[in-house]
């Protein structure tokens, strides 16, 4: 599961493209989200542990730092979410999800299929 601040960090990282926690924090500030550098570093480390971002070490003034970049997290997240619905709610959850999907307009459905690559 991804929390709201993690989601904001993922969006900011996508805007940055690739960068250290400092750059992600600056992008969050541009979006109106004020958080401490240490909070951003912790969030990025957790997102890395969840497999939603990649990182590499880079030498910098004063030592080393991680440089982060996004992965195709939308597809992975949506698939995990679908698996979670099945696991948590069983057949009735799947029926409800299917009913909600049936309410989508064709453009929304195409966009969802594109994101899931199905």
PDB file of N, CA and C in Angstrom:
ATOM      1  N   UNK A   1       0.839  -1.164   0.000  1.00  0.00           N
ATOM      2  CA  UNK A   1       0.000   0.000   0.000  1.00  0.00           C
ATOM      3  C   UNK A   1       0.892   1.239   0.000  1.00  0.00           C
ATOM      4  N   UNK A   2       0.456   2.263  -0.669  1.00  0.00           N
ATOM      5  CA  UNK A   2       1.209   3.509  -0.771  1.00  0.00           C
ATOM      6  C   UNK A   2       0.379   4.617  -0.131  1.00  0.00           C
ATOM      7  N   UNK A   3       0.982   5.323   0.826  1.00  0.00           N
ATOM      8  CA  UNK A   3       0.302   6.412   1.504  1.00  0.00           C
ATOM      9  C   UNK A   3       0.271   7.679   0.672  1.00  0.00           C
ATOM     10  N   UNK A   4      -0.446   8.685   1.182  1.00  0.00           N
ATOM     11  CA  UNK A   4      -0.608   9.924   0.420  1.00  0.00           C
ATOM     12  C   UNK A   4       0.708  10.677   0.243  1.00  0.00           C
ATOM     13  N   UNK A   5       1.544  10.728   1.274  1.00  0.00           N
ATOM     14  CA  UNK A   5       2.825  11.422   1.137  1.00  0.00           C
ATOM     15  C   UNK A   5       3.764  10.653   0.210  1.00  0.00           C
ATOM     16  N   UNK A   6       3.685   9.323   0.255  1.00  0.00           N
ATOM     17  CA  UNK A   6       4.477   8.519  -0.684  1.00  0.00           C
ATOM     18  C   UNK A   6       4.027   8.789  -2.121  1.00  0.00           C
ATOM     19  N   UNK A   7       2.739   8.906  -2.309  1.00  0.00           N
ATOM     20  CA  UNK A   7       2.214   9.205  -3.641  1.00  0.00           C
ATOM     21  C   UNK A   7       2.712  10.563  -4.121  1.00  0.00           C
ATOM     22  N   UNK A   8       2.684  11.548  -3.241  1.00  0.00           N
ATOM     23  CA  UNK A   8       3.199  12.874  -3.590  1.00  0.00           C
ATOM     24  C   UNK A   8       4.683  12.803  -3.968  1.00  0.00           C
ATOM     25  N   UNK A   9       5.445  12.007  -3.219  1.00  0.00           N
ATOM     26  CA  UNK A   9       6.880  11.858  -3.512  1.00  0.00           C
ATOM     27  C   UNK A   9       7.094  11.181  -4.860  1.00  0.00           C
ATOM     28  N   UNK A  10       6.276  10.187  -5.183  1.00  0.00           N
ATOM     29  CA  UNK A  10       6.383   9.523  -6.482  1.00  0.00           C
ATOM     30  C   UNK A  10       6.088  10.498  -7.623  1.00  0.00           C
ATOM     31  N   UNK A  11       5.073  11.311  -7.439  1.00  0.00           N
ATOM     32  CA  UNK A  11       4.728  12.305  -8.466  1.00  0.00           C
ATOM     33  C   UNK A  11       5.868  13.307  -8.620  1.00  0.00           C
ATOM     34  N   UNK A  12       6.418  13.754  -7.499  1.00  0.00           N
ATOM     35  CA  UNK A  12       7.527  14.708  -7.544  1.00  0.00           C
ATOM     36  C   UNK A  12       8.745  14.093  -8.218  1.00  0.00           C
ATOM     37  N   UNK A  13       9.038  12.846  -7.894  1.00  0.00           N
ATOM     38  CA  UNK A  13      10.186  12.170  -8.506  1.00  0.00           C
ATOM     39  C   UNK A  13       9.976  12.009 -10.003  1.00  0.00           C
ATOM     40  N   UNK A  14       8.765  11.731 -10.412  1.00  0.00           N
ATOM     41  CA  UNK A  14       8.487  11.617 -11.842  1.00  0.00           C
ATOM     42  C   UNK A  14       8.760  12.950 -12.541  1.00  0.00           C
ATOM     43  N   UNK A  15       8.396  14.052 -11.885  1.00  0.00           N
ATOM     44  CA  UNK A  15       8.667  15.383 -12.436  1.00  0.00           C
ATOM     45  C   UNK A  15      10.167  15.653 -12.520  1.00  0.00           C
ATOM     46  N   UNK A  16      10.906  15.224 -11.497  1.00  0.00           N
ATOM     47  CA  UNK A  16      12.357  15.427 -11.464  1.00  0.00           C
ATOM     48  C   UNK A  16      13.038  14.554 -12.511  1.00  0.00           C
ATOM     49  N   UNK A  17      12.524  13.358 -12.693  1.00  0.00           N
ATOM     50  CA  UNK A  17      13.132  12.399 -13.624  1.00  0.00           C
ATOM     51  C   UNK A  17      14.112  11.504 -12.899  1.00  0.00           C
ATOM     52  N   UNK A  18      15.192  12.084 -12.442  1.00  0.00           N
ATOM     53  CA  UNK A  18      16.185  11.363 -11.645  1.00  0.00           C
ATOM     54  C   UNK A  18      16.873  12.380 -10.757  1.00  0.00           C
ATOM     55  N   UNK A  19      17.026  12.050  -9.477  1.00  0.00           N
ATOM     56  CA  UNK A  19      17.689  12.999  -8.596  1.00  0.00           C
ATOM     57  C   UNK A  19      17.739  12.520  -7.168  1.00  0.00           C
ATOM     58  N   UNK A  20      18.504  13.216  -6.349  1.00  0.00           N
ATOM     59  CA  UNK A  20      18.606  12.888  -4.936  1.00  0.00           C
ATOM     60  C   UNK A  20      17.381  13.377  -4.163  1.00  0.00           C
ATOM     61  N   UNK A  21      17.303  13.017  -2.906  1.00  0.00           N
ATOM     62  CA  UNK A  21      16.175  13.410  -2.063  1.00  0.00           C
ATOM     63  C   UNK A  21      15.997  14.926  -2.036  1.00  0.00           C
ATOM     64  N   UNK A  22      17.084  15.669  -2.070  1.00  0.00           N
ATOM     65  CA  UNK A  22      17.020  17.137  -2.055  1.00  0.00           C
ATOM     66  C   UNK A  22      16.192  17.657  -3.225  1.00  0.00           C
ATOM     67  N   UNK A  23      16.419  17.111  -4.424  1.00  0.00           N
ATOM     68  CA  UNK A  23      15.669  17.550  -5.608  1.00  0.00           C
ATOM     69  C   UNK A  23      14.190  17.197  -5.495  1.00  0.00           C
ATOM     70  N   UNK A  24      13.915  16.020  -4.941  1.00  0.00           N
ATOM     71  CA  UNK A  24      12.518  15.601  -4.758  1.00  0.00           C
ATOM     72  C   UNK A  24      11.840  16.525  -3.749  1.00  0.00           C
ATOM     73  N   UNK A  25      12.548  16.866  -2.681  1.00  0.00           N
ATOM     74  CA  UNK A  25      12.007  17.790  -1.675  1.00  0.00           C
ATOM     75  C   UNK A  25      11.698  19.141  -2.301  1.00  0.00           C
ATOM     76  N   UNK A  26      12.594  19.634  -3.142  1.00  0.00           N
ATOM     77  CA  UNK A  26      12.353  20.919  -3.812  1.00  0.00           C
ATOM     78  C   UNK A  26      11.118  20.851  -4.711  1.00  0.00           C
ATOM     79  N   UNK A  27      10.944  19.738  -5.416  1.00  0.00           N
ATOM     80  CA  UNK A  27       9.773  19.577  -6.289  1.00  0.00           C
ATOM     81  C   UNK A  27       8.500  19.489  -5.462  1.00  0.00           C
ATOM     82  N   UNK A  28       8.569  18.822  -4.319  1.00  0.00           N
ATOM     83  CA  UNK A  28       7.414  18.772  -3.421  1.00  0.00           C
ATOM     84  C   UNK A  28       7.038  20.179  -2.964  1.00  0.00           C
ATOM     85  N   UNK A  29       8.041  20.991  -2.658  1.00  0.00           N
ATOM     86  CA  UNK A  29       7.778  22.366  -2.225  1.00  0.00           C
ATOM     87  C   UNK A  29       7.092  23.164  -3.333  1.00  0.00           C
ATOM     88  N   UNK A  30       7.510  22.946  -4.575  1.00  0.00           N
ATOM     89  CA  UNK A  30       6.876  23.620  -5.712  1.00  0.00           C
ATOM     90  C   UNK A  30       5.389  23.243  -5.771  1.00  0.00           C
ATOM     91  N   UNK A  31       5.096  21.983  -5.417  1.00  0.00           N
ATOM     92  CA  UNK A  31       3.712  21.508  -5.428  1.00  0.00           C
ATOM     93  C   UNK A  31       2.948  21.905  -4.162  1.00  0.00           C
ATOM     94  N   UNK A  32       3.625  22.639  -3.254  1.00  0.00           N
ATOM     95  CA  UNK A  32       2.951  23.094  -2.038  1.00  0.00           C
ATOM     96  C   UNK A  32       3.023  22.137  -0.876  1.00  0.00           C
ATOM     97  N   UNK A  33       3.874  21.117  -0.978  1.00  0.00           N
ATOM     98  CA  UNK A  33       4.026  20.137   0.097  1.00  0.00           C
ATOM     99  C   UNK A  33       5.324  20.446   0.839  1.00  0.00           C
ATOM    100  N   UNK A  34       5.200  20.873   2.085  1.00  0.00           N
ATOM    101  CA  UNK A  34       6.371  21.221   2.885  1.00  0.00           C
ATOM    102  C   UNK A  34       6.712  20.064   3.826  1.00  0.00           C
ATOM    103  N   UNK A  35       7.852  19.424   3.584  1.00  0.00           N
ATOM    104  CA  UNK A  35       8.316  18.330   4.440  1.00  0.00           C
ATOM    105  C   UNK A  35       9.820  18.463   4.631  1.00  0.00           C
ATOM    106  N   UNK A  36      10.310  17.875   5.701  1.00  0.00           N
ATOM    107  CA  UNK A  36      11.738  17.911   5.994  1.00  0.00           C
ATOM    108  C   UNK A  36      12.504  17.010   5.033  1.00  0.00           C
ATOM    109  N   UNK A  37      13.748  17.355   4.808  1.00  0.00           N
ATOM    110  CA  UNK A  37      14.622  16.543   3.951  1.00  0.00           C
ATOM    111  C   UNK A  37      14.682  15.103   4.457  1.00  0.00           C
ATOM    112  N   UNK A  38      14.826  14.928   5.764  1.00  0.00           N
ATOM    113  CA  UNK A  38      14.940  13.573   6.323  1.00  0.00           C
ATOM    114  C   UNK A  38      13.676  12.762   6.065  1.00  0.00           C
ATOM    115  N   UNK A  39      12.530  13.429   6.067  1.00  0.00           N
ATOM    116  CA  UNK A  39      11.265  12.742   5.772  1.00  0.00           C
ATOM    117  C   UNK A  39      11.255  12.255   4.331  1.00  0.00           C
ATOM    118  N   UNK A  40      11.709  13.103   3.414  1.00  0.00           N
ATOM    119  CA  UNK A  40      11.755  12.725   1.997  1.00  0.00           C
ATOM    120  C   UNK A  40      12.732  11.561   1.807  1.00  0.00           C
ATOM    121  N   UNK A  41      13.889  11.626   2.443  1.00  0.00           N
ATOM    122  CA  UNK A  41      14.876  10.544   2.324  1.00  0.00           C
ATOM    123  C   UNK A  41      14.293   9.225   2.834  1.00  0.00           C
ATOM    124  N   UNK A  42      13.575   9.279   3.943  1.00  0.00           N
ATOM    125  CA  UNK A  42      12.945   8.071   4.496  1.00  0.00           C
ATOM    126  C   UNK A  42      11.877   7.528   3.553  1.00  0.00           C
ATOM    127  N   UNK A  43      11.047   8.413   3.018  1.00  0.00           N
ATOM    128  CA  UNK A  43       9.987   7.995   2.088  1.00  0.00           C
ATOM    129  C   UNK A  43      10.595   7.334   0.859  1.00  0.00           C
ATOM    130  N   UNK A  44      11.627   7.934   0.298  1.00  0.00           N
ATOM    131  CA  UNK A  44      12.263   7.355  -0.893  1.00  0.00           C
ATOM    132  C   UNK A  44      12.880   5.998  -0.582  1.00  0.00           C
ATOM    133  N   UNK A  45      13.474   5.849   0.589  1.00  0.00           N
ATOM    134  CA  UNK A  45      14.032   4.546   0.982  1.00  0.00           C
ATOM    135  C   UNK A  45      12.929   3.496   1.090  1.00  0.00           C
ATOM    136  N   UNK A  46      11.805   3.876   1.654  1.00  0.00           N
ATOM    137  CA  UNK A  46      10.671   2.934   1.765  1.00  0.00           C
ATOM    138  C   UNK A  46      10.102   2.579   0.395  1.00  0.00           C
ATOM    139  N   UNK A  47      10.003   3.573  -0.476  1.00  0.00           N
ATOM    140  CA  UNK A  47       9.527   3.300  -1.835  1.00  0.00           C
ATOM    141  C   UNK A  47      10.494   2.375  -2.566  1.00  0.00           C
ATOM    142  N   UNK A  48      11.785   2.531  -2.299  1.00  0.00           N
ATOM    143  CA  UNK A  48      12.777   1.616  -2.881  1.00  0.00           C
ATOM    144  C   UNK A  48      12.558   0.206  -2.357  1.00  0.00           C
ATOM    145  N   UNK A  49      12.334   0.076  -1.049  1.00  0.00           N
ATOM    146  CA  UNK A  49      12.087  -1.237  -0.458  1.00  0.00           C
ATOM    147  C   UNK A  49      10.835  -1.896  -1.040  1.00  0.00           C
ATOM    148  N   UNK A  50       9.855  -1.094  -1.424  1.00  0.00           N
ATOM    149  CA  UNK A  50       8.615  -1.605  -2.024  1.00  0.00           C
ATOM    150  C   UNK A  50       8.771  -1.881  -3.523  1.00  0.00           C
ATOM    151  N   UNK A  51       9.930  -1.523  -4.077  1.00  0.00           N
ATOM    152  CA  UNK A  51      10.170  -1.772  -5.495  1.00  0.00           C
ATOM    153  C   UNK A  51       9.555  -0.734  -6.419  1.00  0.00           C
ATOM    154  N   UNK A  52       9.172   0.420  -5.884  1.00  0.00           N
ATOM    155  CA  UNK A  52       8.514   1.432  -6.696  1.00  0.00           C
ATOM    156  C   UNK A  52       9.465   2.481  -7.240  1.00  0.00           C
ATOM    157  N   UNK A  53      10.690   2.535  -6.716  1.00  0.00           N
ATOM    158  CA  UNK A  53      11.724   3.414  -7.261  1.00  0.00           C
ATOM    159  C   UNK A  53      13.040   2.644  -7.306  1.00  0.00           C
ATOM    160  N   UNK A  54      13.917   3.091  -8.165  1.00  0.00           N
ATOM    161  CA  UNK A  54      15.271   2.535  -8.237  1.00  0.00           C
ATOM    162  C   UNK A  54      16.230   3.585  -7.714  1.00  0.00           C
ATOM    163  N   UNK A  55      17.392   3.127  -7.256  1.00  0.00           N
ATOM    164  CA  UNK A  55      18.381   4.082  -6.785  1.00  0.00           C
ATOM    165  C   UNK A  55      19.778   3.579  -7.096  1.00  0.00           C
ATOM    166  N   UNK A  56      20.690   4.539  -7.153  1.00  0.00           N
ATOM    167  CA  UNK A  56      22.106   4.227  -7.334  1.00  0.00           C
ATOM    168  C   UNK A  56      22.888   5.179  -6.451  1.00  0.00           C
ATOM    169  N   UNK A  57      24.077   4.749  -6.064  1.00  0.00           N
ATOM    170  CA  UNK A  57      24.940   5.613  -5.257  1.00  0.00           C
ATOM    171  C   UNK A  57      25.725   6.537  -6.172  1.00  0.00           C
ATOM    172  N   UNK A  58      25.975   7.719  -5.655  1.00  0.00           N
ATOM    173  CA  UNK A  58      26.717   8.710  -6.416  1.00  0.00           C
ATOM    174  C   UNK A  58      27.620   9.463  -5.435  1.00  0.00           C
ATOM    175  N   UNK A  59      28.847   9.689  -5.865  1.00  0.00           N
ATOM    176  CA  UNK A  59      29.745  10.495  -5.039  1.00  0.00           C
ATOM    177  C   UNK A  59      29.305  11.946  -5.109  1.00  0.00           C
ATOM    178  N   UNK A  60      29.392  12.616  -3.978  1.00  0.00           N
ATOM    179  CA  UNK A  60      29.046  14.025  -3.926  1.00  0.00           C
ATOM    180  C   UNK A  60      29.940  14.699  -2.890  1.00  0.00           C
ATOM    181  N   UNK A  61      29.844  15.980  -2.827  1.00  0.00           N
ATOM    182  CA  UNK A  61      30.630  16.718  -1.858  1.00  0.00           C
ATOM    183  C   UNK A  61      30.263  16.240  -0.451  1.00  0.00           C
ATOM    184  N   UNK A  62      31.235  15.738   0.269  1.00  0.00           N
ATOM    185  CA  UNK A  62      30.985  15.258   1.620  1.00  0.00           C
ATOM    186  C   UNK A  62      30.722  13.768   1.708  1.00  0.00           C
ATOM    187  N   UNK A  63      30.782  13.035   0.617  1.00  0.00           N
ATOM    188  CA  UNK A  63      30.576  11.582   0.692  1.00  0.00           C
ATOM    189  C   UNK A  63      29.802  11.023  -0.482  1.00  0.00           C
ATOM    190  N   UNK A  64      28.766  10.255  -0.151  1.00  0.00           N
ATOM    191  CA  UNK A  64      27.928   9.630  -1.158  1.00  0.00           C
ATOM    192  C   UNK A  64      26.470   9.936  -0.868  1.00  0.00           C
ATOM    193  N   UNK A  65      25.655   9.778  -1.896  1.00  0.00           N
ATOM    194  CA  UNK A  65      24.210   9.932  -1.747  1.00  0.00           C
ATOM    195  C   UNK A  65      23.530   8.990  -2.728  1.00  0.00           C
ATOM    196  N   UNK A  66      22.245   8.767  -2.494  1.00  0.00           N
ATOM    197  CA  UNK A  66      21.445   7.996  -3.431  1.00  0.00           C
ATOM    198  C   UNK A  66      20.801   8.942  -4.434  1.00  0.00           C
ATOM    199  N   UNK A  67      20.758   8.484  -5.666  1.00  0.00           N
ATOM    200  CA  UNK A  67      20.033   9.181  -6.724  1.00  0.00           C
ATOM    201  C   UNK A  67      18.894   8.249  -7.131  1.00  0.00           C
ATOM    202  N   UNK A  68      17.682   8.760  -7.098  1.00  0.00           N
ATOM    203  CA  UNK A  68      16.483   7.954  -7.327  1.00  0.00           C
ATOM    204  C   UNK A  68      15.876   8.234  -8.698  1.00  0.00           C
ATOM    205  N   UNK A  69      15.157   7.228  -9.200  1.00  0.00           N
ATOM    206  CA  UNK A  69      14.354   7.387 -10.407  1.00  0.00           C
ATOM    207  C   UNK A  69      13.153   6.463 -10.292  1.00  0.00           C
ATOM    208  N   UNK A  70      12.099   6.813 -10.992  1.00  0.00           N
ATOM    209  CA  UNK A  70      10.879   6.008 -10.898  1.00  0.00           C
ATOM    210  C   UNK A  70      10.993   4.754 -11.759  1.00  0.00           C
ATOM    211  N   UNK A  71      10.176   3.802 -11.426  1.00  0.00           N
ATOM    212  CA  UNK A  71       9.973   2.630 -12.278  1.00  0.00           C
ATOM    213  C   UNK A  71       8.527   2.725 -12.748  1.00  0.00           C
ATOM    214  N   UNK A  72       8.077   1.744 -13.484  1.00  0.00           N
ATOM    215  CA  UNK A  72       6.690   1.746 -13.953  1.00  0.00           C
ATOM    216  C   UNK A  72       5.796   1.402 -12.764  1.00  0.00           C
ATOM    217  N   UNK A  73       5.726   2.346 -11.803  1.00  0.00           N
ATOM    218  CA  UNK A  73       5.026   2.064 -10.559  1.00  0.00           C
ATOM    219  C   UNK A  73       3.516   2.021 -10.723  1.00  0.00           C
ATOM    220  N   UNK A  74       2.971   2.749 -11.675  1.00  0.00           N
ATOM    221  CA  UNK A  74       1.518   2.741 -11.840  1.00  0.00           C
ATOM    222  C   UNK A  74       1.024   1.337 -12.156  1.00  0.00           C
ATOM    223  N   UNK A  75       1.649   0.695 -13.107  1.00  0.00           N
ATOM    224  CA  UNK A  75       1.221  -0.647 -13.507  1.00  0.00           C
ATOM    225  C   UNK A  75       1.378  -1.615 -12.346  1.00  0.00           C
ATOM    226  N   UNK A  76       2.542  -1.578 -11.689  1.00  0.00           N
ATOM    227  CA  UNK A  76       2.786  -2.485 -10.567  1.00  0.00           C
ATOM    228  C   UNK A  76       1.795  -2.209  -9.436  1.00  0.00           C
ATOM    229  N   UNK A  77       1.581  -0.938  -9.132  1.00  0.00           N
ATOM    230  CA  UNK A  77       0.671  -0.578  -8.052  1.00  0.00           C
ATOM    231  C   UNK A  77      -0.756  -1.022  -8.359  1.00  0.00           C
ATOM    232  N   UNK A  78      -1.223  -0.769  -9.570  1.00  0.00           N
ATOM    233  CA  UNK A  78      -2.585  -1.151  -9.933  1.00  0.00           C
ATOM    234  C   UNK A  78      -2.771  -2.668  -9.892  1.00  0.00           C
ATOM    235  N   UNK A  79      -1.784  -3.402 -10.358  1.00  0.00           N
ATOM    236  CA  UNK A  79      -1.890  -4.866 -10.297  1.00  0.00           C
ATOM    237  C   UNK A  79      -1.918  -5.358  -8.853  1.00  0.00           C
ATOM    238  N   UNK A  80      -1.074  -4.774  -8.000  1.00  0.00           N
ATOM    239  CA  UNK A  80      -1.077  -5.146  -6.585  1.00  0.00           C
ATOM    240  C   UNK A  80      -2.409  -4.785  -5.933  1.00  0.00           C
ATOM    241  N   UNK A  81      -2.958  -3.645  -6.320  1.00  0.00           N
ATOM    242  CA  UNK A  81      -4.248  -3.227  -5.795  1.00  0.00           C
ATOM    243  C   UNK A  81      -5.337  -4.223  -6.189  1.00  0.00           C
ATOM    244  N   UNK A  82      -5.321  -4.657  -7.443  1.00  0.00           N
ATOM    245  CA  UNK A  82      -6.307  -5.640  -7.892  1.00  0.00           C
ATOM    246  C   UNK A  82      -6.163  -6.952  -7.135  1.00  0.00           C
ATOM    247  N   UNK A  83      -4.923  -7.397  -6.941  1.00  0.00           N
ATOM    248  CA  UNK A  83      -4.695  -8.621  -6.159  1.00  0.00           C
ATOM    249  C   UNK A  83      -5.206  -8.448  -4.732  1.00  0.00           C
ATOM    250  N   UNK A  84      -5.006  -7.241  -4.174  1.00  0.00           N
ATOM    251  CA  UNK A  84      -5.474  -6.965  -2.819  1.00  0.00           C
ATOM    252  C   UNK A  84      -6.978  -7.040  -2.707  1.00  0.00           C
ATOM    253  N   UNK A  85      -7.691  -6.546  -3.716  1.00  0.00           N
ATOM    254  CA  UNK A  85      -9.156  -6.611  -3.718  1.00  0.00           C
ATOM    255  C   UNK A  85      -9.592  -8.069  -3.690  1.00  0.00           C
ATOM    256  N   UNK A  86      -8.969  -8.885  -4.512  1.00  0.00           N
ATOM    257  CA  UNK A  86      -9.326 -10.306  -4.568  1.00  0.00           C
ATOM    258  C   UNK A  86      -9.028 -10.977  -3.235  1.00  0.00           C
ATOM    259  N   UNK A  87      -7.864 -10.698  -2.669  1.00  0.00           N
ATOM    260  CA  UNK A  87      -7.467 -11.332  -1.408  1.00  0.00           C
ATOM    261  C   UNK A  87      -8.353 -10.893  -0.253  1.00  0.00           C
ATOM    262  N   UNK A  88      -8.609  -9.593  -0.163  1.00  0.00           N
ATOM    263  CA  UNK A  88      -9.352  -9.067   0.989  1.00  0.00           C
ATOM    264  C   UNK A  88     -10.854  -9.305   0.908  1.00  0.00           C
ATOM    265  N   UNK A  89     -11.421  -9.185  -0.295  1.00  0.00           N
ATOM    266  CA  UNK A  89     -12.871  -9.199  -0.405  1.00  0.00           C
ATOM    267  C   UNK A  89     -13.440 -10.416  -1.133  1.00  0.00           C
ATOM    268  N   UNK A  90     -12.572 -11.220  -1.717  1.00  0.00           N
ATOM    269  CA  UNK A  90     -13.025 -12.424  -2.388  1.00  0.00           C
ATOM    270  C   UNK A  90     -13.939 -12.141  -3.561  1.00  0.00           C
ATOM    271  N   UNK A  91     -14.796 -13.101  -3.889  1.00  0.00           N
ATOM    272  CA  UNK A  91     -15.665 -12.974  -5.060  1.00  0.00           C
ATOM    273  C   UNK A  91     -16.574 -11.744  -5.032  1.00  0.00           C
ATOM    274  N   UNK A  92     -17.097 -11.380  -3.860  1.00  0.00           N
ATOM    275  CA  UNK A  92     -17.999 -10.217  -3.819  1.00  0.00           C
ATOM    276  C   UNK A  92     -17.237  -8.930  -4.143  1.00  0.00           C
ATOM    277  N   UNK A  93     -15.970  -8.847  -3.742  1.00  0.00           N
ATOM    278  CA  UNK A  93     -15.155  -7.685  -4.080  1.00  0.00           C
ATOM    279  C   UNK A  93     -14.913  -7.591  -5.573  1.00  0.00           C
ATOM    280  N   UNK A  94     -14.690  -8.735  -6.189  1.00  0.00           N
ATOM    281  CA  UNK A  94     -14.464  -8.775  -7.634  1.00  0.00           C
ATOM    282  C   UNK A  94     -15.736  -8.346  -8.369  1.00  0.00           C
ATOM    283  N   UNK A  95     -16.885  -8.812  -7.897  1.00  0.00           N
ATOM    284  CA  UNK A  95     -18.164  -8.429  -8.515  1.00  0.00           C
ATOM    285  C   UNK A  95     -18.356  -6.916  -8.406  1.00  0.00           C
ATOM    286  N   UNK A  96     -18.111  -6.364  -7.224  1.00  0.00           N
ATOM    287  CA  UNK A  96     -18.271  -4.921  -7.035  1.00  0.00           C
ATOM    288  C   UNK A  96     -17.300  -4.141  -7.926  1.00  0.00           C
ATOM    289  N   UNK A  97     -16.039  -4.591  -7.969  1.00  0.00           N
ATOM    290  CA  UNK A  97     -15.048  -3.932  -8.822  1.00  0.00           C
ATOM    291  C   UNK A  97     -15.496  -3.966 -10.280  1.00  0.00           C
ATOM    292  N   UNK A  98     -15.999  -5.102 -10.718  1.00  0.00           N
ATOM    293  CA  UNK A  98     -16.471  -5.240 -12.089  1.00  0.00           C
ATOM    294  C   UNK A  98     -17.637  -4.288 -12.365  1.00  0.00           C
ATOM    295  N   UNK A  99     -18.533  -4.133 -11.387  1.00  0.00           N
ATOM    296  CA  UNK A  99     -19.656  -3.200 -11.549  1.00  0.00           C
ATOM    297  C   UNK A  99     -19.154  -1.765 -11.694  1.00  0.00           C
ATOM    298  N   UNK A 100     -18.150  -1.410 -10.902  1.00  0.00           N
ATOM    299  CA  UNK A 100     -17.585  -0.058 -10.982  1.00  0.00           C
ATOM    300  C   UNK A 100     -16.875   0.159 -12.321  1.00  0.00           C
ATOM    301  N   UNK A 101     -16.169  -0.843 -12.792  1.00  0.00           N
ATOM    302  CA  UNK A 101     -15.493  -0.733 -14.089  1.00  0.00           C
ATOM    303  C   UNK A 101     -16.499  -0.565 -15.218  1.00  0.00           C
ATOM    304  N   UNK A 102     -17.647  -1.223 -15.082  1.00  0.00           N
ATOM    305  CA  UNK A 102     -18.684  -1.123 -16.117  1.00  0.00           C
ATOM    306  C   UNK A 102     -19.253   0.294 -16.213  1.00  0.00           C
ATOM    307  N   UNK A 103     -19.127   1.083 -15.143  1.00  0.00           N
ATOM    308  CA  UNK A 103     -19.625   2.456 -15.136  1.00  0.00           C
ATOM    309  C   UNK A 103     -18.674   3.434 -15.826  1.00  0.00           C
ATOM    310  N   UNK A 104     -17.477   2.992 -16.134  1.00  0.00           N
ATOM    311  CA  UNK A 104     -16.489   3.880 -16.748  1.00  0.00           C
ATOM    312  C   UNK A 104     -16.883   4.212 -18.180  1.00  0.00           C
ATOM    313  N   UNK A 105     -16.553   5.419 -18.584  1.00  0.00           N
ATOM    314  CA  UNK A 105     -16.787   5.743 -19.987  1.00  0.00           C
ATOM    315  C   UNK A 105     -15.662   5.107 -20.815  1.00  0.00           C
ATOM    316  N   UNK A 106     -15.856   4.940 -22.112  1.00  0.00           N
ATOM    317  CA  UNK A 106     -14.872   4.242 -22.944  1.00  0.00           C
ATOM    318  C   UNK A 106     -13.460   4.826 -22.876  1.00  0.00           C
ATOM    319  N   UNK A 107     -13.347   6.131 -22.782  1.00  0.00           N
ATOM    320  CA  UNK A 107     -12.018   6.751 -22.723  1.00  0.00           C
ATOM    321  C   UNK A 107     -11.295   6.377 -21.431  1.00  0.00           C
ATOM    322  N   UNK A 108     -12.033   6.375 -20.309  1.00  0.00           N
ATOM    323  CA  UNK A 108     -11.436   5.987 -19.024  1.00  0.00           C
ATOM    324  C   UNK A 108     -11.000   4.521 -19.050  1.00  0.00           C
ATOM    325  N   UNK A 109     -11.833   3.681 -19.646  1.00  0.00           N
ATOM    326  CA  UNK A 109     -11.503   2.261 -19.731  1.00  0.00           C
ATOM    327  C   UNK A 109     -10.253   2.038 -20.585  1.00  0.00           C
ATOM    328  N   UNK A 110     -10.177   2.739 -21.714  1.00  0.00           N
ATOM    329  CA  UNK A 110      -8.982   2.616 -22.569  1.00  0.00           C
ATOM    330  C   UNK A 110      -7.732   3.060 -21.825  1.00  0.00           C
ATOM    331  N   UNK A 111      -7.838   4.162 -21.069  1.00  0.00           N
ATOM    332  CA  UNK A 111      -6.689   4.659 -20.307  1.00  0.00           C
ATOM    333  C   UNK A 111      -6.268   3.653 -19.238  1.00  0.00           C
ATOM    334  N   UNK A 112      -7.231   3.050 -18.551  1.00  0.00           N
ATOM    335  CA  UNK A 112      -6.909   2.034 -17.545  1.00  0.00           C
ATOM    336  C   UNK A 112      -6.236   0.833 -18.195  1.00  0.00           C
ATOM    337  N   UNK A 113      -6.769   0.375 -19.323  1.00  0.00           N
ATOM    338  CA  UNK A 113      -6.155  -0.754 -20.027  1.00  0.00           C
ATOM    339  C   UNK A 113      -4.741  -0.413 -20.509  1.00  0.00           C
ATOM    340  N   UNK A 114      -4.549   0.825 -20.962  1.00  0.00           N
ATOM    341  CA  UNK A 114      -3.223   1.241 -21.392  1.00  0.00           C
ATOM    342  C   UNK A 114      -2.254   1.209 -20.234  1.00  0.00           C
ATOM    343  N   UNK A 115      -2.683   1.712 -19.074  1.00  0.00           N
ATOM    344  CA  UNK A 115      -1.808   1.732 -17.908  1.00  0.00           C
ATOM    345  C   UNK A 115      -1.470   0.343 -17.409  1.00  0.00           C
ATOM    346  N   UNK A 116      -2.451  -0.554 -17.496  1.00  0.00           N
ATOM    347  CA  UNK A 116      -2.224  -1.938 -17.066  1.00  0.00           C
ATOM    348  C   UNK A 116      -1.566  -2.783 -18.139  1.00  0.00           C
ATOM    349  N   UNK A 117      -1.508  -2.230 -19.352  1.00  0.00           N
ATOM    350  CA  UNK A 117      -0.954  -2.932 -20.518  1.00  0.00           C
ATOM    351  C   UNK A 117      -1.695  -4.238 -20.764  1.00  0.00           C
ATOM    352  N   UNK A 118      -3.039  -4.122 -20.785  1.00  0.00           N
ATOM    353  CA  UNK A 118      -3.881  -5.293 -21.092  1.00  0.00           C
ATOM    354  C   UNK A 118      -4.771  -4.971 -22.269  1.00  0.00           C
TER     355      UNK A 118
END
